[in-house]
Amino acid sequence: MNILLFTSKFGMGHYYAAEAIKEQIEHTRPQDNVFLIDFMDILLGPGADRIYTAYGSLISRGSSIYNHVYKHCTELDRTVEKSRLGLCSALLLPVRRAIEKYQADLVISTYSGCNKYIGKCLRQYRLPIPFITCITDIGIHGRWVNPQVDLYLTASEETRRDLIKIGVDSHKIAVTGIPVRSAFSFHAAADSESSTKSGISSSKRNNRLLIMGGGLGLLPEEKCFYDALEKEPNLCTTVITGKNKELLRIFAGSYQHVEFLPFTDNIASYIKRSDWLLTKPGGITLFEAISAGTPLILTKPFLQQETANSIFASRYQISVQLQKNIVSSLPCILSVVADKEKQLQLSENMKALRGSLSESALLLFLCRFETVLQKRQKARRECV
């Protein structure tokens, strides 16, 4: 079976979820062919990079503008109404060409921005291809919802209830959590290489704090913040700076117990060997931490879609929520990372949450559809 997986690199959470789905299918169904494509690439070609660069600048410097645009473009009633209107065929052709190029038997999307185009394409060209959507945040909006979708993979029971409220058939919804790569699994073997590569001294310091600011590296720039972490007697800190090259340039090598690293593909091992993860409440990051069993310290959400993620983490008691900015919250952070009882409690809550997810729902759907597909192919051969 040929499976076409549409995604994007806006914030990277969509892309990482797509990679996780691809990995899961390839591991359990080696007979299938999974093709992962960036939706913006097939629409814009080389121009996609400029769009992603502009998006990064908007998030870093104009989050209030982004939130206004996001809310305006994703309201449920507004989006559902617009989805009934005819769409420019020029935007449908790249989708159709991709489906034909890869001879897709099934389509999966992890990016809401392409859902209406996929749905319109399947309907307009009468393509009998199942359409699966993986929602990569706790909260939903209208761009995720499309009448052509056969299965919604949702992050939480709250997401499922919200979909039902707006008319989605409950039989089309599975609560799977946001897919993460197997390297983040609590049961996966730890990567000892990352520990030996670490440049920080861990002698007599048994609390490990990992700080991440997402792919864009939205992190504190104040030297006093990192000075205080360095002075904490029982703490080793690793800061993943992502694309924030300036922060890396200023602070790398400045401390004995605070390590600064650029973007790394080995992030799973850093999360798993940490006692706490201090980060913004991105959907994919939440579930990477849940999979690894690493308790969270979450910054105040400043993007519209992060609010529901933060509420979710609080409701299931898998995080400590900061009420001020990171620098002002330093006393709270230092108190939390020293609290082993709190760490154990939140880790146990994560374990319970992992056990409530239907992680095999996608594979069960693929098995059922494969049976249908085989019957169709047999019928065609008999007709010939």
Protein backbone atom coordinates (compact mmCIF):
# COMPACT_ATOMS: atom_id res chain seq x y z
CA MET A 1 0.00 0.00 0.00
CA ASN A 2 1.26 3.50 -0.89
CA ILE A 3 0.70 6.09 1.83
CA LEU A 4 1.15 9.81 1.14
CA LEU A 5 1.91 11.91 4.21
CA PHE A 6 1.38 15.70 3.91
CA THR A 7 3.01 18.01 6.46
CA SER A 8 4.76 21.39 6.85
CA LYS A 9 7.63 22.98 8.74
CA PHE A 10 5.68 25.76 10.44
CA GLY A 11 7.00 25.41 13.99
CA MET A 12 8.30 21.90 13.13
CA GLY A 13 5.72 20.14 15.31
CA HIS A 14 3.73 19.12 12.23
CA TYR A 15 6.85 17.72 10.61
CA TYR A 16 8.03 15.78 13.67
CA ALA A 17 4.56 14.22 14.06
CA ALA A 18 4.68 13.17 10.40
CA GLU A 19 8.12 11.64 10.89
CA ALA A 20 6.79 9.71 13.88
CA ILE A 21 3.84 8.36 11.87
CA LYS A 22 6.17 7.36 9.05
CA GLU A 23 8.46 5.58 11.49
CA GLN A 24 5.55 3.75 13.13
CA ILE A 25 4.15 2.50 9.83
CA GLU A 26 7.52 1.47 8.43
CA HIS A 27 8.36 -0.43 11.61
CA THR A 28 5.08 -2.35 11.86
CA ARG A 29 4.13 -2.57 8.17
CA PRO A 30 7.36 -2.90 6.15
CA GLN A 31 5.31 -3.92 3.11
CA ASP A 32 3.91 -0.36 2.82
CA ASN A 33 5.55 2.58 1.08
CA VAL A 34 5.32 5.86 3.01
CA PHE A 35 6.10 9.12 1.21
CA LEU A 36 6.50 12.26 3.36
CA ILE A 37 6.14 15.56 1.50
CA ASP A 38 6.13 19.20 2.61
CA PHE A 39 2.88 20.79 1.45
CA MET A 40 4.52 24.21 1.08
CA ASP A 41 7.22 22.69 -1.13
CA ILE A 42 4.72 21.31 -3.63
CA LEU A 43 2.87 24.64 -3.68
CA LEU A 44 5.78 27.07 -3.79
CA GLY A 45 8.92 25.10 -4.56
CA PRO A 46 12.03 27.11 -3.53
CA GLY A 47 9.73 29.91 -2.35
CA ALA A 48 8.70 27.78 0.64
CA ASP A 49 11.94 28.65 2.44
CA ARG A 50 11.10 32.36 2.30
CA ILE A 51 7.67 31.68 3.79
CA TYR A 52 9.21 29.70 6.65
CA THR A 53 11.78 32.44 7.30
CA ALA A 54 9.02 35.07 7.42
CA TYR A 55 7.03 32.86 9.80
CA GLY A 56 9.99 32.56 12.14
CA SER A 57 10.47 36.33 12.18
CA LEU A 58 6.79 36.88 12.90
CA ILE A 59 6.82 34.47 15.85
CA SER A 60 10.00 35.97 17.29
CA ARG A 61 9.12 39.64 16.91
CA GLY A 62 5.38 39.94 16.40
CA SER A 63 3.56 37.25 18.34
CA SER A 64 0.57 39.54 18.97
CA ILE A 65 0.12 40.04 15.21
CA TYR A 66 0.45 36.29 14.68
CA ASN A 67 -2.19 35.56 17.34
CA HIS A 68 -4.62 38.00 15.72
CA VAL A 69 -4.15 36.45 12.28
CA TYR A 70 -4.31 32.92 13.69
CA LYS A 71 -7.59 33.59 15.49
CA HIS A 72 -9.11 35.30 12.45
CA CYS A 73 -8.15 32.48 10.07
CA THR A 74 -9.08 29.54 12.26
CA GLU A 75 -12.47 30.40 13.77
CA LEU A 76 -14.71 27.36 13.39
CA ASP A 77 -17.75 29.07 11.88
CA ARG A 78 -15.69 31.25 9.54
CA THR A 79 -13.62 28.33 8.25
CA VAL A 80 -16.52 25.92 7.81
CA GLU A 81 -18.39 28.57 5.81
CA LYS A 82 -15.42 29.24 3.57
CA SER A 83 -14.81 25.54 2.99
CA ARG A 84 -18.05 25.42 1.04
CA LEU A 85 -16.79 27.93 -1.49
CA GLY A 86 -15.00 26.94 -4.66
CA LEU A 87 -11.22 26.83 -4.35
CA CYS A 88 -8.77 27.88 -6.99
CA SER A 89 -7.96 24.83 -9.11
CA ALA A 90 -4.33 25.94 -9.19
CA LEU A 91 -4.08 25.01 -5.51
CA LEU A 92 -5.71 21.61 -6.08
CA LEU A 93 -3.48 20.53 -8.95
CA PRO A 94 -0.30 20.11 -6.83
CA VAL A 95 -2.24 17.84 -4.47
CA ARG A 96 -3.64 15.77 -7.33
CA ARG A 97 -0.23 15.53 -9.00
CA ALA A 98 1.35 14.30 -5.75
CA ILE A 99 -1.39 11.66 -5.33
CA GLU A 100 -0.87 10.49 -8.92
CA LYS A 101 2.94 10.61 -8.71
CA TYR A 102 3.09 8.35 -5.68
CA GLN A 103 0.00 6.30 -6.71
CA ALA A 104 -1.36 6.93 -3.23
CA ASP A 105 -3.84 4.46 -1.77
CA LEU A 106 -4.26 6.55 1.39
CA VAL A 107 -3.52 10.14 2.46
CA ILE A 108 -2.51 11.39 5.91
CA SER A 109 -2.16 15.05 6.95
CA THR A 110 -0.45 16.52 10.02
CA TYR A 111 -0.90 20.13 8.88
CA SER A 112 -4.28 21.85 9.08
CA GLY A 113 -3.45 24.30 6.30
CA CYS A 114 -3.62 21.63 3.61
CA ASN A 115 -6.74 19.79 4.80
CA LYS A 116 -9.29 21.71 2.76
CA TYR A 117 -7.21 21.30 -0.40
CA ILE A 118 -6.84 17.56 0.12
CA GLY A 119 -10.56 17.21 0.88
CA LYS A 120 -11.58 19.31 -2.11
CA CYS A 121 -9.22 17.36 -4.39
CA LEU A 122 -10.57 13.98 -3.29
CA ARG A 123 -14.14 15.17 -3.73
CA GLN A 124 -13.74 17.07 -7.01
CA TYR A 125 -11.79 14.33 -8.78
CA ARG A 126 -13.80 11.54 -7.14
CA LEU A 127 -10.74 9.78 -5.76
CA PRO A 128 -11.75 6.80 -3.54
CA ILE A 129 -8.85 7.34 -1.15
CA PRO A 130 -9.17 7.37 2.65
CA PHE A 131 -8.08 10.60 4.34
CA ILE A 132 -6.62 10.62 7.87
CA THR A 133 -5.88 13.79 9.84
CA CYS A 134 -3.53 13.92 12.82
CA ILE A 135 -4.25 16.99 14.97
CA THR A 136 -0.97 18.26 16.44
CA ASP A 137 -2.36 20.40 19.28
CA ILE A 138 -4.87 19.91 22.07
CA GLY A 139 -7.19 22.65 20.82
CA ILE A 140 -8.98 22.42 17.50
CA HIS A 141 -9.96 24.96 14.88
CA GLY A 142 -11.93 24.89 11.67
CA ARG A 143 -9.01 24.23 9.35
CA TRP A 144 -8.55 20.77 10.86
CA VAL A 145 -12.12 19.77 10.09
CA ASN A 146 -13.16 18.48 6.67
CA PRO A 147 -16.10 16.29 5.61
CA GLN A 148 -13.75 14.07 3.57
CA VAL A 149 -11.74 12.98 6.64
CA ASP A 150 -12.25 9.32 7.51
CA LEU A 151 -10.27 9.28 10.77
CA TYR A 152 -9.07 11.97 13.18
CA LEU A 153 -6.08 11.12 15.36
CA THR A 154 -6.45 13.41 18.37
CA ALA A 155 -4.16 14.40 21.20
CA SER A 156 -6.61 14.05 24.08
CA GLU A 157 -10.11 13.21 25.21
CA GLU A 158 -10.78 16.96 25.34
CA THR A 159 -9.92 17.22 21.64
CA ARG A 160 -12.27 14.34 20.90
CA ARG A 161 -15.15 15.99 22.78
CA ASP A 162 -14.59 19.29 20.97
CA LEU A 163 -14.78 17.56 17.59
CA ILE A 164 -18.01 15.81 18.56
CA LYS A 165 -19.50 19.16 19.65
CA ILE A 166 -19.08 20.57 16.16
CA GLY A 167 -20.66 17.54 14.51
CA VAL A 168 -17.84 15.08 13.80
CA ASP A 169 -18.97 11.45 14.09
CA SER A 170 -17.45 9.91 17.23
CA HIS A 171 -16.60 6.74 15.26
CA LYS A 172 -14.19 8.81 13.19
CA ILE A 173 -12.12 9.90 16.20
CA ALA A 174 -9.32 8.09 18.03
CA VAL A 175 -7.46 9.49 21.04
CA THR A 176 -3.87 8.56 20.24
CA GLY A 177 -1.88 11.44 21.65
CA ILE A 178 0.37 13.41 19.30
CA PRO A 179 2.69 10.87 17.62
CA VAL A 180 6.34 11.04 18.67
CA ARG A 181 9.33 9.10 17.45
CA SER A 182 10.24 5.87 19.22
CA ALA A 183 13.52 7.37 20.48
CA PHE A 184 11.47 9.34 23.04
CA SER A 185 9.89 6.24 24.51
CA PHE A 186 10.34 5.76 28.24
CA HIS A 187 11.24 2.14 27.49
CA ALA A 188 13.76 2.90 24.75
CA ALA A 189 17.41 2.39 25.61
CA ALA A 190 19.13 5.54 26.82
CA ASP A 191 21.73 7.06 24.53
CA SER A 192 24.83 6.97 26.68
CA GLU A 193 26.79 8.72 23.95
CA SER A 194 25.00 11.99 24.64
CA SER A 195 26.08 11.87 28.26
CA THR A 196 29.72 11.35 27.40
CA LYS A 197 29.60 14.11 24.81
CA SER A 198 28.21 16.59 27.31
CA GLY A 199 30.67 19.30 28.16
CA ILE A 200 29.28 20.08 31.61
CA SER A 201 30.66 18.79 34.86
CA SER A 202 28.20 16.64 36.81
CA SER A 203 30.32 15.77 39.82
CA LYS A 204 28.26 16.09 43.02
CA ARG A 205 25.38 17.57 41.01
CA ASN A 206 22.49 15.15 40.58
CA ASN A 207 19.66 17.41 39.36
CA ARG A 208 19.53 17.85 35.58
CA LEU A 209 17.51 20.63 33.97
CA LEU A 210 16.99 20.85 30.22
CA ILE A 211 15.87 24.21 28.79
CA MET A 212 14.44 24.44 25.28
CA GLY A 213 12.94 27.37 23.40
CA GLY A 214 11.57 25.49 20.42
CA GLY A 215 13.17 25.43 17.00
CA LEU A 216 13.50 29.23 17.00
CA GLY A 217 15.29 29.27 20.36
CA LEU A 218 12.99 31.68 22.19
CA LEU A 219 15.06 31.81 25.38
CA PRO A 220 16.15 34.34 28.03
CA GLU A 221 18.98 36.62 26.95
CA GLU A 222 19.79 37.93 30.43
CA LYS A 223 23.19 36.84 31.73
CA CYS A 224 21.97 37.02 35.33
CA PHE A 225 19.59 34.13 34.64
CA TYR A 226 22.36 31.76 33.60
CA ASP A 227 24.68 33.06 36.33
CA ALA A 228 22.08 31.99 38.90
CA LEU A 229 21.75 28.53 37.36
CA GLU A 230 25.54 28.15 37.44
CA LYS A 231 25.66 29.01 41.15
CA GLU A 232 22.97 26.52 42.14
CA PRO A 233 25.05 23.88 43.98
CA ASN A 234 23.15 20.73 42.97
CA LEU A 235 22.16 21.54 39.40
CA CYS A 236 23.48 20.79 35.92
CA THR A 237 21.71 22.66 33.11
CA THR A 238 21.66 22.08 29.35
CA VAL A 239 20.25 24.79 27.07
CA ILE A 240 19.24 23.81 23.52
CA THR A 241 19.40 27.10 21.60
CA GLY A 242 17.82 25.84 18.35
CA LYS A 243 18.21 28.45 15.62
CA ASN A 244 19.19 31.15 18.12
CA LYS A 245 22.81 31.36 16.98
CA GLU A 246 23.39 34.66 18.76
CA LEU A 247 22.57 33.20 22.17
CA LEU A 248 24.86 30.27 21.46
CA ARG A 249 27.67 32.61 20.40
CA ILE A 250 27.39 34.74 23.52
CA PHE A 251 27.16 32.03 26.18
CA ALA A 252 28.69 28.80 24.83
CA GLY A 253 31.67 27.78 26.96
CA SER A 254 31.04 30.50 29.56
CA TYR A 255 30.00 28.19 32.39
CA GLN A 256 31.13 24.99 34.02
CA HIS A 257 27.65 23.71 34.89
CA VAL A 258 25.50 25.32 32.18
CA GLU A 259 25.97 23.84 28.71
CA PHE A 260 24.75 25.59 25.55
CA LEU A 261 24.07 23.50 22.46
CA PRO A 262 22.78 24.29 18.96
CA PHE A 263 19.92 22.46 17.29
CA THR A 264 20.44 18.70 17.60
CA ASP A 265 18.79 15.64 16.08
CA ASN A 266 19.60 13.80 19.31
CA ILE A 267 17.11 15.74 21.44
CA ALA A 268 15.36 12.55 22.63
CA SER A 269 18.36 11.41 24.66
CA TYR A 270 18.69 14.83 26.31
CA ILE A 271 15.02 14.83 27.32
CA LYS A 272 15.18 11.27 28.69
CA ARG A 273 18.26 11.86 30.84
CA SER A 274 16.90 15.10 32.31
CA ASP A 275 14.97 15.38 35.56
CA TRP A 276 12.99 18.39 34.34
CA LEU A 277 12.26 20.02 30.99
CA LEU A 278 11.70 23.79 30.98
CA THR A 279 10.06 24.82 27.70
CA LYS A 280 7.13 26.53 26.02
CA PRO A 281 3.85 24.55 25.78
CA GLY A 282 4.11 23.30 22.20
CA GLY A 283 1.96 20.27 21.38
CA ILE A 284 4.70 17.98 20.08
CA THR A 285 7.05 18.90 22.95
CA LEU A 286 4.38 18.01 25.51
CA PHE A 287 4.00 14.53 24.11
CA GLU A 288 7.72 13.99 23.66
CA ALA A 289 8.10 14.67 27.38
CA ILE A 290 5.09 12.45 28.21
CA SER A 291 6.58 9.61 26.19
CA ALA A 292 9.94 10.03 27.93
CA GLY A 293 8.40 10.47 31.38
CA THR A 294 10.20 13.76 31.98
CA PRO A 295 8.17 16.29 34.04
CA LEU A 296 7.61 19.72 32.55
CA ILE A 297 8.07 23.29 33.68
CA LEU A 298 6.04 25.32 31.20
CA THR A 299 6.40 28.99 30.38
CA LYS A 300 3.31 31.17 29.98
CA PRO A 301 1.80 30.55 26.53
CA PHE A 302 2.24 33.45 24.15
CA LEU A 303 0.93 31.80 20.98
CA GLN A 304 -2.81 31.25 20.55
CA GLN A 305 -2.59 27.47 20.07
CA GLU A 306 -0.39 26.99 23.14
CA THR A 307 -3.08 28.02 25.62
CA ALA A 308 -5.06 24.79 25.32
CA ASN A 309 -1.82 22.79 25.55
CA SER A 310 -0.95 24.54 28.81
CA ILE A 311 -4.42 23.92 30.28
CA PHE A 312 -4.17 20.24 29.30
CA ALA A 313 -0.80 19.82 31.03
CA SER A 314 -2.15 21.47 34.17
CA ARG A 315 -5.35 19.38 34.20
CA TYR A 316 -3.42 16.10 34.03
CA GLN A 317 -0.82 17.38 36.52
CA ILE A 318 2.20 16.67 34.35
CA SER A 319 3.73 20.12 34.62
CA VAL A 320 4.49 23.11 36.79
CA GLN A 321 3.13 26.29 35.20
CA LEU A 322 5.13 29.50 35.44
CA GLN A 323 3.00 32.58 36.08
CA LYS A 324 5.66 35.13 35.10
CA ASN A 325 8.39 35.28 32.48
CA ILE A 326 11.29 32.85 32.84
CA VAL A 327 13.74 35.29 34.43
CA SER A 328 11.22 36.51 37.02
CA SER A 329 10.26 32.89 37.73
CA LEU A 330 13.80 31.81 38.58
CA PRO A 331 13.13 31.24 42.33
CA CYS A 332 10.18 29.02 41.42
CA ILE A 333 12.25 27.09 38.87
CA LEU A 334 15.07 26.42 41.35
CA SER A 335 12.58 25.30 43.99
CA VAL A 336 10.86 22.90 41.58
CA VAL A 337 13.99 21.20 40.24
CA ALA A 338 15.10 20.46 43.81
CA ASP A 339 11.76 18.78 44.64
CA LYS A 340 12.29 15.05 44.02
CA GLU A 341 8.85 14.17 45.39
CA LYS A 342 7.18 16.50 42.92
CA GLN A 343 9.26 15.09 40.10
CA LEU A 344 8.18 11.52 40.92
CA GLN A 345 4.53 12.52 41.23
CA LEU A 346 4.42 14.21 37.82
CA SER A 347 6.31 11.35 36.22
CA GLU A 348 3.74 8.87 37.54
CA ASN A 349 0.95 11.05 36.15
CA MET A 350 2.63 10.91 32.77
CA LYS A 351 2.76 7.13 32.97
CA ALA A 352 -0.98 6.99 33.66
CA LEU A 353 -1.67 9.34 30.75
CA ARG A 354 0.40 7.19 28.38
CA GLY A 355 -1.66 4.18 29.38
CA SER A 356 -4.92 5.90 28.42
CA LEU A 357 -3.96 6.49 24.78
CA SER A 358 -5.01 4.31 21.84
CA GLU A 359 -1.67 4.38 20.08
CA SER A 360 -2.55 1.46 17.79
CA ALA A 361 -5.66 3.12 16.27
CA LEU A 362 -3.87 4.18 13.09
CA LEU A 363 -2.47 0.70 12.47
CA LEU A 364 -5.88 -0.90 13.02
CA PHE A 365 -7.39 1.47 10.47
CA LEU A 366 -4.64 0.62 7.96
CA CYS A 367 -5.25 -3.11 8.44
CA ARG A 368 -8.99 -2.70 7.88
CA PHE A 369 -8.49 -0.58 4.78
CA GLU A 370 -5.89 -2.96 3.40
CA THR A 371 -8.52 -5.71 3.46
CA VAL A 372 -10.93 -3.45 1.55
CA LEU A 373 -8.20 -2.52 -0.92
CA GLN A 374 -7.35 -6.16 -1.57
CA LYS A 375 -11.03 -6.93 -2.28
CA ARG A 376 -11.19 -4.03 -4.74
CA GLN A 377 -8.05 -5.19 -6.55
CA LYS A 378 -9.40 -8.75 -6.73
CA ALA A 379 -12.69 -7.49 -8.17
CA ARG A 380 -10.82 -5.49 -10.82
CA ARG A 381 -8.75 -8.52 -11.86
CA GLU A 382 -11.87 -10.66 -12.13
CA CYS A 383 -13.56 -8.03 -14.31
CA VAL A 384 -10.57 -8.00 -16.62
